[in-house]
Full PDB file with SEQRES, HELIX, SHEET, SSBOND, CRYST1, ORIGX, SCALE, CONECT and MASTER records, all heavy atoms in Angstrom:
SEQRES   1 A   33  ALA ALA VAL LEU ASP MET ILE ASP THR PRO TYR VAL ALA          
SEQRES   2 A   33  TRP LEU ASN ASP ASP ALA VAL PRO ASP PRO SER TRP LEU          
SEQRES   3 A   33  THR GLU LEU GLU ASN ALA LEU                                  
HELIX    1 AA1 LEU A    4  MET A    6  5                                   3    
HELIX    2 AA2 TRP A   25  ALA A   32  1                                   8    
CRYST1    1.000    1.000    1.000  90.00  90.00  90.00 P 1           1          
ORIGX1      1.000000  0.000000  0.000000        0.00000                         
ORIGX2      0.000000  1.000000  0.000000        0.00000                         
ORIGX3      0.000000  0.000000  1.000000        0.00000                         
SCALE1      1.000000  0.000000  0.000000        0.00000                         
SCALE2      0.000000  1.000000  0.000000        0.00000                         
SCALE3      0.000000  0.000000  1.000000        0.00000                         
ATOM      1  N   ALA A   1       0.857  -1.209   0.005  1.00  0.00           N  
ATOM      2  CA  ALA A   1       0.035  -0.086   0.016  1.00  0.00           C  
ATOM      3  C   ALA A   1       0.839   1.233   0.004  1.00  0.00           C  
ATOM      4  O   ALA A   1       0.468   2.275  -0.582  1.00  0.00           O  
ATOM      5  CB  ALA A   1      -0.997  -0.031   1.246  1.00  0.00           C  
ATOM      6  N   ALA A   2       1.994   1.192   0.596  1.00  0.00           N  
ATOM      7  CA  ALA A   2       2.878   2.385   0.807  1.00  0.00           C  
ATOM      8  C   ALA A   2       3.331   2.890  -0.550  1.00  0.00           C  
ATOM      9  O   ALA A   2       3.681   4.163  -0.652  1.00  0.00           O  
ATOM     10  CB  ALA A   2       4.016   2.112   1.740  1.00  0.00           C  
ATOM     11  N   VAL A   3       3.421   2.095  -1.534  1.00  0.00           N  
ATOM     12  CA  VAL A   3       4.059   2.528  -2.799  1.00  0.00           C  
ATOM     13  C   VAL A   3       3.035   2.514  -3.980  1.00  0.00           C  
ATOM     14  O   VAL A   3       3.393   2.823  -5.126  1.00  0.00           O  
ATOM     15  CB  VAL A   3       5.292   1.681  -3.216  1.00  0.00           C  
ATOM     16  CG1 VAL A   3       6.431   1.811  -2.197  1.00  0.00           C  
ATOM     17  CG2 VAL A   3       4.896   0.204  -3.408  1.00  0.00           C  
ATOM     18  N   LEU A   4       1.746   2.249  -3.720  1.00  0.00           N  
ATOM     19  CA  LEU A   4       0.774   2.187  -4.859  1.00  0.00           C  
ATOM     20  C   LEU A   4       0.693   3.489  -5.579  1.00  0.00           C  
ATOM     21  O   LEU A   4       0.620   3.513  -6.831  1.00  0.00           O  
ATOM     22  CB  LEU A   4      -0.503   1.699  -4.256  1.00  0.00           C  
ATOM     23  CG  LEU A   4      -1.673   1.483  -5.326  1.00  0.00           C  
ATOM     24  CD1 LEU A   4      -1.219   0.527  -6.334  1.00  0.00           C  
ATOM     25  CD2 LEU A   4      -2.973   1.097  -4.624  1.00  0.00           C  
ATOM     26  N   ASP A   5       0.818   4.597  -4.855  1.00  0.00           N  
ATOM     27  CA  ASP A   5       0.692   5.952  -5.486  1.00  0.00           C  
ATOM     28  C   ASP A   5       1.967   6.146  -6.357  1.00  0.00           C  
ATOM     29  O   ASP A   5       1.937   7.070  -7.252  1.00  0.00           O  
ATOM     30  CB  ASP A   5       0.565   6.986  -4.561  1.00  0.00           C  
ATOM     31  CG  ASP A   5      -0.885   6.980  -3.907  1.00  0.00           C  
ATOM     32  OD1 ASP A   5      -1.747   6.366  -4.476  1.00  0.00           O  
ATOM     33  OD2 ASP A   5      -1.029   7.689  -2.788  1.00  0.00           O  
ATOM     34  N   MET A   6       2.963   5.425  -6.273  1.00  0.00           N  
ATOM     35  CA  MET A   6       4.190   5.599  -6.997  1.00  0.00           C  
ATOM     36  C   MET A   6       4.121   4.917  -8.349  1.00  0.00           C  
ATOM     37  O   MET A   6       5.093   5.139  -9.148  1.00  0.00           O  
ATOM     38  CB  MET A   6       5.438   5.213  -6.233  1.00  0.00           C  
ATOM     39  CG  MET A   6       5.686   5.897  -4.861  1.00  0.00           C  
ATOM     40  SD  MET A   6       7.018   5.154  -3.987  1.00  0.00           S  
ATOM     41  CE  MET A   6       8.347   5.152  -5.149  1.00  0.00           C  
ATOM     42  N   ILE A   7       3.275   4.010  -8.518  1.00  0.00           N  
ATOM     43  CA  ILE A   7       3.205   3.119  -9.716  1.00  0.00           C  
ATOM     44  C   ILE A   7       2.693   3.934 -10.880  1.00  0.00           C  
ATOM     45  O   ILE A   7       1.600   4.550 -10.814  1.00  0.00           O  
ATOM     46  CB  ILE A   7       2.294   1.846  -9.511  1.00  0.00           C  
ATOM     47  CG1 ILE A   7       2.703   1.181  -8.229  1.00  0.00           C  
ATOM     48  CG2 ILE A   7       2.459   1.024 -10.682  1.00  0.00           C  
ATOM     49  CD1 ILE A   7       4.138   0.657  -8.134  1.00  0.00           C  
ATOM     50  N   ASP A   8       3.517   3.977 -12.006  1.00  0.00           N  
ATOM     51  CA  ASP A   8       3.130   4.758 -13.173  1.00  0.00           C  
ATOM     52  C   ASP A   8       3.062   3.898 -14.406  1.00  0.00           C  
ATOM     53  O   ASP A   8       2.956   4.358 -15.546  1.00  0.00           O  
ATOM     54  CB  ASP A   8       4.075   5.869 -13.413  1.00  0.00           C  
ATOM     55  CG  ASP A   8       5.487   5.496 -13.583  1.00  0.00           C  
ATOM     56  OD1 ASP A   8       5.713   4.299 -13.528  1.00  0.00           O  
ATOM     57  OD2 ASP A   8       6.365   6.377 -13.734  1.00  0.00           O  
ATOM     58  N   THR A   9       2.920   2.583 -14.176  1.00  0.00           N  
ATOM     59  CA  THR A   9       2.877   1.548 -15.325  1.00  0.00           C  
ATOM     60  C   THR A   9       1.414   0.996 -15.333  1.00  0.00           C  
ATOM     61  O   THR A   9       0.697   1.018 -14.268  1.00  0.00           O  
ATOM     62  CB  THR A   9       3.885   0.417 -15.025  1.00  0.00           C  
ATOM     63  OG1 THR A   9       3.804  -0.113 -13.760  1.00  0.00           O  
ATOM     64  CG2 THR A   9       5.299   0.967 -15.346  1.00  0.00           C  
ATOM     65  N   PRO A  10       1.015   0.375 -16.452  1.00  0.00           N  
ATOM     66  CA  PRO A  10      -0.330  -0.220 -16.500  1.00  0.00           C  
ATOM     67  C   PRO A  10      -0.536  -1.390 -15.556  1.00  0.00           C  
ATOM     68  O   PRO A  10      -1.659  -1.582 -15.057  1.00  0.00           O  
ATOM     69  CB  PRO A  10      -0.409  -0.659 -17.943  1.00  0.00           C  
ATOM     70  CG  PRO A  10       0.487   0.127 -18.663  1.00  0.00           C  
ATOM     71  CD  PRO A  10       1.596   0.421 -17.706  1.00  0.00           C  
ATOM     72  N   TYR A  11       0.538  -2.077 -15.304  1.00  0.00           N  
ATOM     73  CA  TYR A  11       0.441  -3.253 -14.351  1.00  0.00           C  
ATOM     74  C   TYR A  11       1.389  -3.107 -13.142  1.00  0.00           C  
ATOM     75  O   TYR A  11       2.406  -2.438 -13.210  1.00  0.00           O  
ATOM     76  CB  TYR A  11       0.840  -4.508 -15.101  1.00  0.00           C  
ATOM     77  CG  TYR A  11       0.053  -4.815 -16.364  1.00  0.00           C  
ATOM     78  CD1 TYR A  11       0.666  -5.013 -17.610  1.00  0.00           C  
ATOM     79  CD2 TYR A  11      -1.375  -4.914 -16.279  1.00  0.00           C  
ATOM     80  CE1 TYR A  11      -0.031  -5.275 -18.763  1.00  0.00           C  
ATOM     81  CE2 TYR A  11      -2.065  -5.203 -17.525  1.00  0.00           C  
ATOM     82  CZ  TYR A  11      -1.493  -5.325 -18.648  1.00  0.00           C  
ATOM     83  OH  TYR A  11      -2.180  -5.617 -19.768  1.00  0.00           O  
ATOM     84  N   VAL A  12       0.891  -3.738 -12.099  1.00  0.00           N  
ATOM     85  CA  VAL A  12       1.765  -3.838 -10.858  1.00  0.00           C  
ATOM     86  C   VAL A  12       1.838  -5.258 -10.448  1.00  0.00           C  
ATOM     87  O   VAL A  12       0.802  -5.963 -10.333  1.00  0.00           O  
ATOM     88  CB  VAL A  12       1.285  -2.901  -9.782  1.00  0.00           C  
ATOM     89  CG1 VAL A  12      -0.227  -3.243  -9.391  1.00  0.00           C  
ATOM     90  CG2 VAL A  12       2.160  -2.910  -8.507  1.00  0.00           C  
ATOM     91  N   ALA A  13       2.995  -5.798 -10.199  1.00  0.00           N  
ATOM     92  CA  ALA A  13       3.243  -7.152  -9.805  1.00  0.00           C  
ATOM     93  C   ALA A  13       3.552  -7.119  -8.241  1.00  0.00           C  
ATOM     94  O   ALA A  13       4.318  -6.236  -7.809  1.00  0.00           O  
ATOM     95  CB  ALA A  13       4.410  -7.769 -10.628  1.00  0.00           C  
ATOM     96  N   TRP A  14       2.959  -8.052  -7.599  1.00  0.00           N  
ATOM     97  CA  TRP A  14       3.333  -8.424  -6.217  1.00  0.00           C  
ATOM     98  C   TRP A  14       4.224  -9.663  -6.227  1.00  0.00           C  
ATOM     99  O   TRP A  14       3.899 -10.569  -6.814  1.00  0.00           O  
ATOM    100  CB  TRP A  14       2.019  -8.694  -5.388  1.00  0.00           C  
ATOM    101  CG  TRP A  14       1.076  -7.602  -5.253  1.00  0.00           C  
ATOM    102  CD1 TRP A  14       1.111  -6.374  -5.895  1.00  0.00           C  
ATOM    103  CD2 TRP A  14      -0.228  -7.645  -4.555  1.00  0.00           C  
ATOM    104  NE1 TRP A  14      -0.005  -5.627  -5.561  1.00  0.00           N  
ATOM    105  CE2 TRP A  14      -0.816  -6.409  -4.792  1.00  0.00           C  
ATOM    106  CE3 TRP A  14      -0.823  -8.610  -3.799  1.00  0.00           C  
ATOM    107  CZ2 TRP A  14      -2.072  -6.169  -4.201  1.00  0.00           C  
ATOM    108  CZ3 TRP A  14      -2.067  -8.313  -3.179  1.00  0.00           C  
ATOM    109  CH2 TRP A  14      -2.664  -7.180  -3.344  1.00  0.00           C  
ATOM    110  N   LEU A  15       5.331  -9.541  -5.532  1.00  0.00           N  
ATOM    111  CA  LEU A  15       6.318 -10.726  -5.442  1.00  0.00           C  
ATOM    112  C   LEU A  15       6.926 -10.781  -4.111  1.00  0.00           C  
ATOM    113  O   LEU A  15       7.495  -9.818  -3.647  1.00  0.00           O  
ATOM    114  CB  LEU A  15       7.330 -10.476  -6.585  1.00  0.00           C  
ATOM    115  CG  LEU A  15       8.316 -11.684  -6.728  1.00  0.00           C  
ATOM    116  CD1 LEU A  15       7.598 -12.914  -7.214  1.00  0.00           C  
ATOM    117  CD2 LEU A  15       9.512 -11.294  -7.635  1.00  0.00           C  
ATOM    118  N   ASN A  16       6.736 -11.929  -3.564  1.00  0.00           N  
ATOM    119  CA  ASN A  16       7.425 -12.205  -2.269  1.00  0.00           C  
ATOM    120  C   ASN A  16       8.938 -12.074  -2.424  1.00  0.00           C  
ATOM    121  O   ASN A  16       9.494 -12.523  -3.475  1.00  0.00           O  
ATOM    122  CB  ASN A  16       7.099 -13.530  -1.703  1.00  0.00           C  
ATOM    123  CG  ASN A  16       5.745 -13.610  -1.076  1.00  0.00           C  
ATOM    124  OD1 ASN A  16       4.979 -12.546  -0.984  1.00  0.00           O  
ATOM    125  ND2 ASN A  16       5.322 -14.675  -0.480  1.00  0.00           N  
ATOM    126  N   ASP A  17       9.689 -11.642  -1.404  1.00  0.00           N  
ATOM    127  CA  ASP A  17      11.053 -11.569  -1.437  1.00  0.00           C  
ATOM    128  C   ASP A  17      11.746 -12.928  -1.408  1.00  0.00           C  
ATOM    129  O   ASP A  17      13.041 -13.043  -1.595  1.00  0.00           O  
ATOM    130  CB  ASP A  17      11.636 -10.621  -0.321  1.00  0.00           C  
ATOM    131  CG  ASP A  17      11.343 -11.242   1.145  1.00  0.00           C  
ATOM    132  OD1 ASP A  17      10.582 -12.181   1.188  1.00  0.00           O  
ATOM    133  OD2 ASP A  17      12.034 -10.729   2.055  1.00  0.00           O  
ATOM    134  N   ASP A  18      11.105 -13.997  -1.050  1.00  0.00           N  
ATOM    135  CA  ASP A  18      11.654 -15.338  -1.008  1.00  0.00           C  
ATOM    136  C   ASP A  18      11.169 -16.137  -2.251  1.00  0.00           C  
ATOM    137  O   ASP A  18      11.176 -17.375  -2.249  1.00  0.00           O  
ATOM    138  CB  ASP A  18      11.290 -16.037   0.280  1.00  0.00           C  
ATOM    139  CG  ASP A  18       9.841 -16.060   0.575  1.00  0.00           C  
ATOM    140  OD1 ASP A  18       9.029 -15.603  -0.247  1.00  0.00           O  
ATOM    141  OD2 ASP A  18       9.480 -16.622   1.640  1.00  0.00           O  
ATOM    142  N   ALA A  19      10.723 -15.525  -3.339  1.00  0.00           N  
ATOM    143  CA  ALA A  19      10.269 -16.144  -4.535  1.00  0.00           C  
ATOM    144  C   ALA A  19      11.290 -15.782  -5.617  1.00  0.00           C  
ATOM    145  O   ALA A  19      11.775 -14.707  -5.744  1.00  0.00           O  
ATOM    146  CB  ALA A  19       8.847 -15.639  -4.938  1.00  0.00           C  
ATOM    147  N   VAL A  20      11.477 -16.897  -6.440  1.00  0.00           N  
ATOM    148  CA  VAL A  20      12.487 -16.739  -7.622  1.00  0.00           C  
ATOM    149  C   VAL A  20      11.715 -17.038  -8.843  1.00  0.00           C  
ATOM    150  O   VAL A  20      11.464 -18.217  -9.174  1.00  0.00           O  
ATOM    151  CB  VAL A  20      13.640 -17.661  -7.467  1.00  0.00           C  
ATOM    152  CG1 VAL A  20      14.657 -17.559  -8.539  1.00  0.00           C  
ATOM    153  CG2 VAL A  20      14.330 -17.355  -6.046  1.00  0.00           C  
ATOM    154  N   PRO A  21      11.402 -16.045  -9.664  1.00  0.00           N  
ATOM    155  CA  PRO A  21      10.634 -16.269 -10.897  1.00  0.00           C  
ATOM    156  C   PRO A  21      11.509 -16.700 -12.061  1.00  0.00           C  
ATOM    157  O   PRO A  21      12.636 -16.407 -12.148  1.00  0.00           O  
ATOM    158  CB  PRO A  21      10.050 -14.832 -11.180  1.00  0.00           C  
ATOM    159  CG  PRO A  21      11.063 -13.859 -10.592  1.00  0.00           C  
ATOM    160  CD  PRO A  21      11.671 -14.603  -9.395  1.00  0.00           C  
ATOM    161  N   ASP A  22      10.885 -17.510 -12.934  1.00  0.00           N  
ATOM    162  CA  ASP A  22      11.535 -17.873 -14.206  1.00  0.00           C  
ATOM    163  C   ASP A  22      11.758 -16.729 -15.003  1.00  0.00           C  
ATOM    164  O   ASP A  22      10.988 -15.699 -14.861  1.00  0.00           O  
ATOM    165  CB  ASP A  22      10.650 -18.933 -14.935  1.00  0.00           C  
ATOM    166  CG  ASP A  22      10.705 -20.289 -14.352  1.00  0.00           C  
ATOM    167  OD1 ASP A  22      11.380 -20.579 -13.336  1.00  0.00           O  
ATOM    168  OD2 ASP A  22      10.002 -21.219 -14.923  1.00  0.00           O  
ATOM    169  N   PRO A  23      12.639 -16.643 -15.981  1.00  0.00           N  
ATOM    170  CA  PRO A  23      12.884 -15.447 -16.797  1.00  0.00           C  
ATOM    171  C   PRO A  23      11.663 -15.014 -17.627  1.00  0.00           C  
ATOM    172  O   PRO A  23      11.600 -13.878 -17.894  1.00  0.00           O  
ATOM    173  CB  PRO A  23      14.007 -16.028 -17.770  1.00  0.00           C  
ATOM    174  CG  PRO A  23      14.742 -17.062 -16.964  1.00  0.00           C  
ATOM    175  CD  PRO A  23      13.675 -17.717 -16.280  1.00  0.00           C  
ATOM    176  N   SER A  24      10.845 -15.927 -17.905  1.00  0.00           N  
ATOM    177  CA  SER A  24       9.650 -15.550 -18.708  1.00  0.00           C  
ATOM    178  C   SER A  24       8.423 -15.220 -17.853  1.00  0.00           C  
ATOM    179  O   SER A  24       7.348 -15.114 -18.362  1.00  0.00           O  
ATOM    180  CB  SER A  24       9.322 -16.704 -19.672  1.00  0.00           C  
ATOM    181  OG  SER A  24       8.961 -17.918 -19.076  1.00  0.00           O  
ATOM    182  N   TRP A  25       8.550 -15.217 -16.536  1.00  0.00           N  
ATOM    183  CA  TRP A  25       7.442 -15.080 -15.623  1.00  0.00           C  
ATOM    184  C   TRP A  25       6.624 -13.818 -15.871  1.00  0.00           C  
ATOM    185  O   TRP A  25       5.355 -13.928 -16.091  1.00  0.00           O  
ATOM    186  CB  TRP A  25       8.004 -15.081 -14.121  1.00  0.00           C  
ATOM    187  CG  TRP A  25       6.973 -14.623 -13.123  1.00  0.00           C  
ATOM    188  CD1 TRP A  25       5.873 -15.290 -12.644  1.00  0.00           C  
ATOM    189  CD2 TRP A  25       6.978 -13.434 -12.429  1.00  0.00           C  
ATOM    190  NE1 TRP A  25       5.186 -14.613 -11.791  1.00  0.00           N  
ATOM    191  CE2 TRP A  25       5.883 -13.399 -11.593  1.00  0.00           C  
ATOM    192  CE3 TRP A  25       7.707 -12.249 -12.479  1.00  0.00           C  
ATOM    193  CZ2 TRP A  25       5.537 -12.280 -10.742  1.00  0.00           C  
ATOM    194  CZ3 TRP A  25       7.508 -11.204 -11.587  1.00  0.00           C  
ATOM    195  CH2 TRP A  25       6.331 -11.249 -10.825  1.00  0.00           C  
ATOM    196  N   LEU A  26       7.328 -12.722 -15.966  1.00  0.00           N  
ATOM    197  CA  LEU A  26       6.511 -11.500 -16.147  1.00  0.00           C  
ATOM    198  C   LEU A  26       5.913 -11.428 -17.509  1.00  0.00           C  
ATOM    199  O   LEU A  26       4.763 -10.923 -17.661  1.00  0.00           O  
ATOM    200  CB  LEU A  26       7.444 -10.248 -15.795  1.00  0.00           C  
ATOM    201  CG  LEU A  26       6.752  -8.928 -15.833  1.00  0.00           C  
ATOM    202  CD1 LEU A  26       5.676  -8.872 -14.678  1.00  0.00           C  
ATOM    203  CD2 LEU A  26       7.792  -7.890 -15.451  1.00  0.00           C  
ATOM    204  N   THR A  27       6.665 -11.852 -18.520  1.00  0.00           N  
ATOM    205  CA  THR A  27       6.074 -11.829 -19.852  1.00  0.00           C  
ATOM    206  C   THR A  27       4.838 -12.672 -19.961  1.00  0.00           C  
ATOM    207  O   THR A  27       3.930 -12.249 -20.622  1.00  0.00           O  
ATOM    208  CB  THR A  27       7.182 -12.411 -20.849  1.00  0.00           C  
ATOM    209  OG1 THR A  27       8.392 -11.603 -20.715  1.00  0.00           O  
ATOM    210  CG2 THR A  27       6.622 -12.419 -22.237  1.00  0.00           C  
ATOM    211  N   GLU A  28       4.730 -13.826 -19.320  1.00  0.00           N  
ATOM    212  CA  GLU A  28       3.656 -14.748 -19.399  1.00  0.00           C  
ATOM    213  C   GLU A  28       2.399 -13.986 -18.808  1.00  0.00           C  
ATOM    214  O   GLU A  28       1.260 -14.107 -19.273  1.00  0.00           O  
ATOM    215  CB  GLU A  28       3.948 -16.018 -18.690  1.00  0.00           C  
ATOM    216  CG  GLU A  28       4.959 -16.899 -19.411  1.00  0.00           C  
ATOM    217  CD  GLU A  28       4.524 -17.491 -20.584  1.00  0.00           C  
ATOM    218  OE1 GLU A  28       3.301 -17.401 -21.011  1.00  0.00           O  
ATOM    219  OE2 GLU A  28       5.347 -18.196 -21.418  1.00  0.00           O  
ATOM    220  N   LEU A  29       2.605 -13.350 -17.631  1.00  0.00           N  
ATOM    221  CA  LEU A  29       1.501 -12.675 -16.963  1.00  0.00           C  
ATOM    222  C   LEU A  29       1.001 -11.481 -17.773  1.00  0.00           C  
ATOM    223  O   LEU A  29      -0.167 -11.255 -17.954  1.00  0.00           O  
ATOM    224  CB  LEU A  29       2.019 -12.213 -15.543  1.00  0.00           C  
ATOM    225  CG  LEU A  29       2.304 -13.359 -14.587  1.00  0.00           C  
ATOM    226  CD1 LEU A  29       2.850 -12.721 -13.275  1.00  0.00           C  
ATOM    227  CD2 LEU A  29       1.027 -14.127 -14.235  1.00  0.00           C  
ATOM    228  N   GLU A  30       1.963 -10.696 -18.277  1.00  0.00           N  
ATOM    229  CA  GLU A  30       1.552  -9.539 -19.102  1.00  0.00           C  
ATOM    230  C   GLU A  30       0.773  -9.950 -20.407  1.00  0.00           C  
ATOM    231  O   GLU A  30      -0.194  -9.493 -20.680  1.00  0.00           O  
ATOM    232  CB  GLU A  30       2.846  -8.763 -19.494  1.00  0.00           C  
ATOM    233  CG  GLU A  30       3.460  -7.981 -18.348  1.00  0.00           C  
ATOM    234  CD  GLU A  30       4.772  -7.288 -18.740  1.00  0.00           C  
ATOM    235  OE1 GLU A  30       5.287  -7.696 -19.864  1.00  0.00           O  
ATOM    236  OE2 GLU A  30       5.203  -6.387 -18.034  1.00  0.00           O  
ATOM    237  N   ASN A  31       1.351 -11.028 -21.008  1.00  0.00           N  
ATOM    238  CA  ASN A  31       0.602 -11.548 -22.182  1.00  0.00           C  
ATOM    239  C   ASN A  31      -0.843 -12.032 -21.904  1.00  0.00           C  
ATOM    240  O   ASN A  31      -1.708 -11.758 -22.660  1.00  0.00           O  
ATOM    241  CB  ASN A  31       1.414 -12.608 -22.877  1.00  0.00           C  
ATOM    242  CG  ASN A  31       2.712 -12.113 -23.501  1.00  0.00           C  
ATOM    243  OD1 ASN A  31       2.857 -10.890 -23.752  1.00  0.00           O  
ATOM    244  ND2 ASN A  31       3.606 -13.017 -23.817  1.00  0.00           N  
ATOM    245  N   ALA A  32      -0.926 -12.640 -20.769  1.00  0.00           N  
ATOM    246  CA  ALA A  32      -2.253 -13.086 -20.390  1.00  0.00           C  
ATOM    247  C   ALA A  32      -3.294 -12.049 -20.139  1.00  0.00           C  
ATOM    248  O   ALA A  32      -4.397 -12.096 -20.585  1.00  0.00           O  
ATOM    249  CB  ALA A  32      -2.093 -14.020 -19.193  1.00  0.00           C  
ATOM    250  N   LEU A  33      -2.849 -10.942 -19.470  1.00  0.00           N  
ATOM    251  CA  LEU A  33      -3.703  -9.879 -19.218  1.00  0.00           C  
ATOM    252  C   LEU A  33      -3.959  -9.064 -20.459  1.00  0.00           C  
ATOM    253  O   LEU A  33      -5.093  -8.485 -20.677  1.00  0.00           O  
ATOM    254  CB  LEU A  33      -3.202  -8.909 -18.097  1.00  0.00           C  
ATOM    255  CG  LEU A  33      -3.280  -9.491 -16.675  1.00  0.00           C  
ATOM    256  CD1 LEU A  33      -2.744  -8.480 -15.704  1.00  0.00           C  
ATOM    257  CD2 LEU A  33      -4.674  -9.973 -16.357  1.00  0.00           C  
TER     258      LEU A  33                                                      
MASTER        0    0    0    2    0    0    0    6  257    1    0    3          
END                                                                             
């Protein structure tokens, strides 16, 4: 919540600090939306 007003992109991703995404993770999510 503290940084939501700072977001200036169409999408915002939430990611735990103990999660390691595959290189195509964000692309797959963006393409789906």
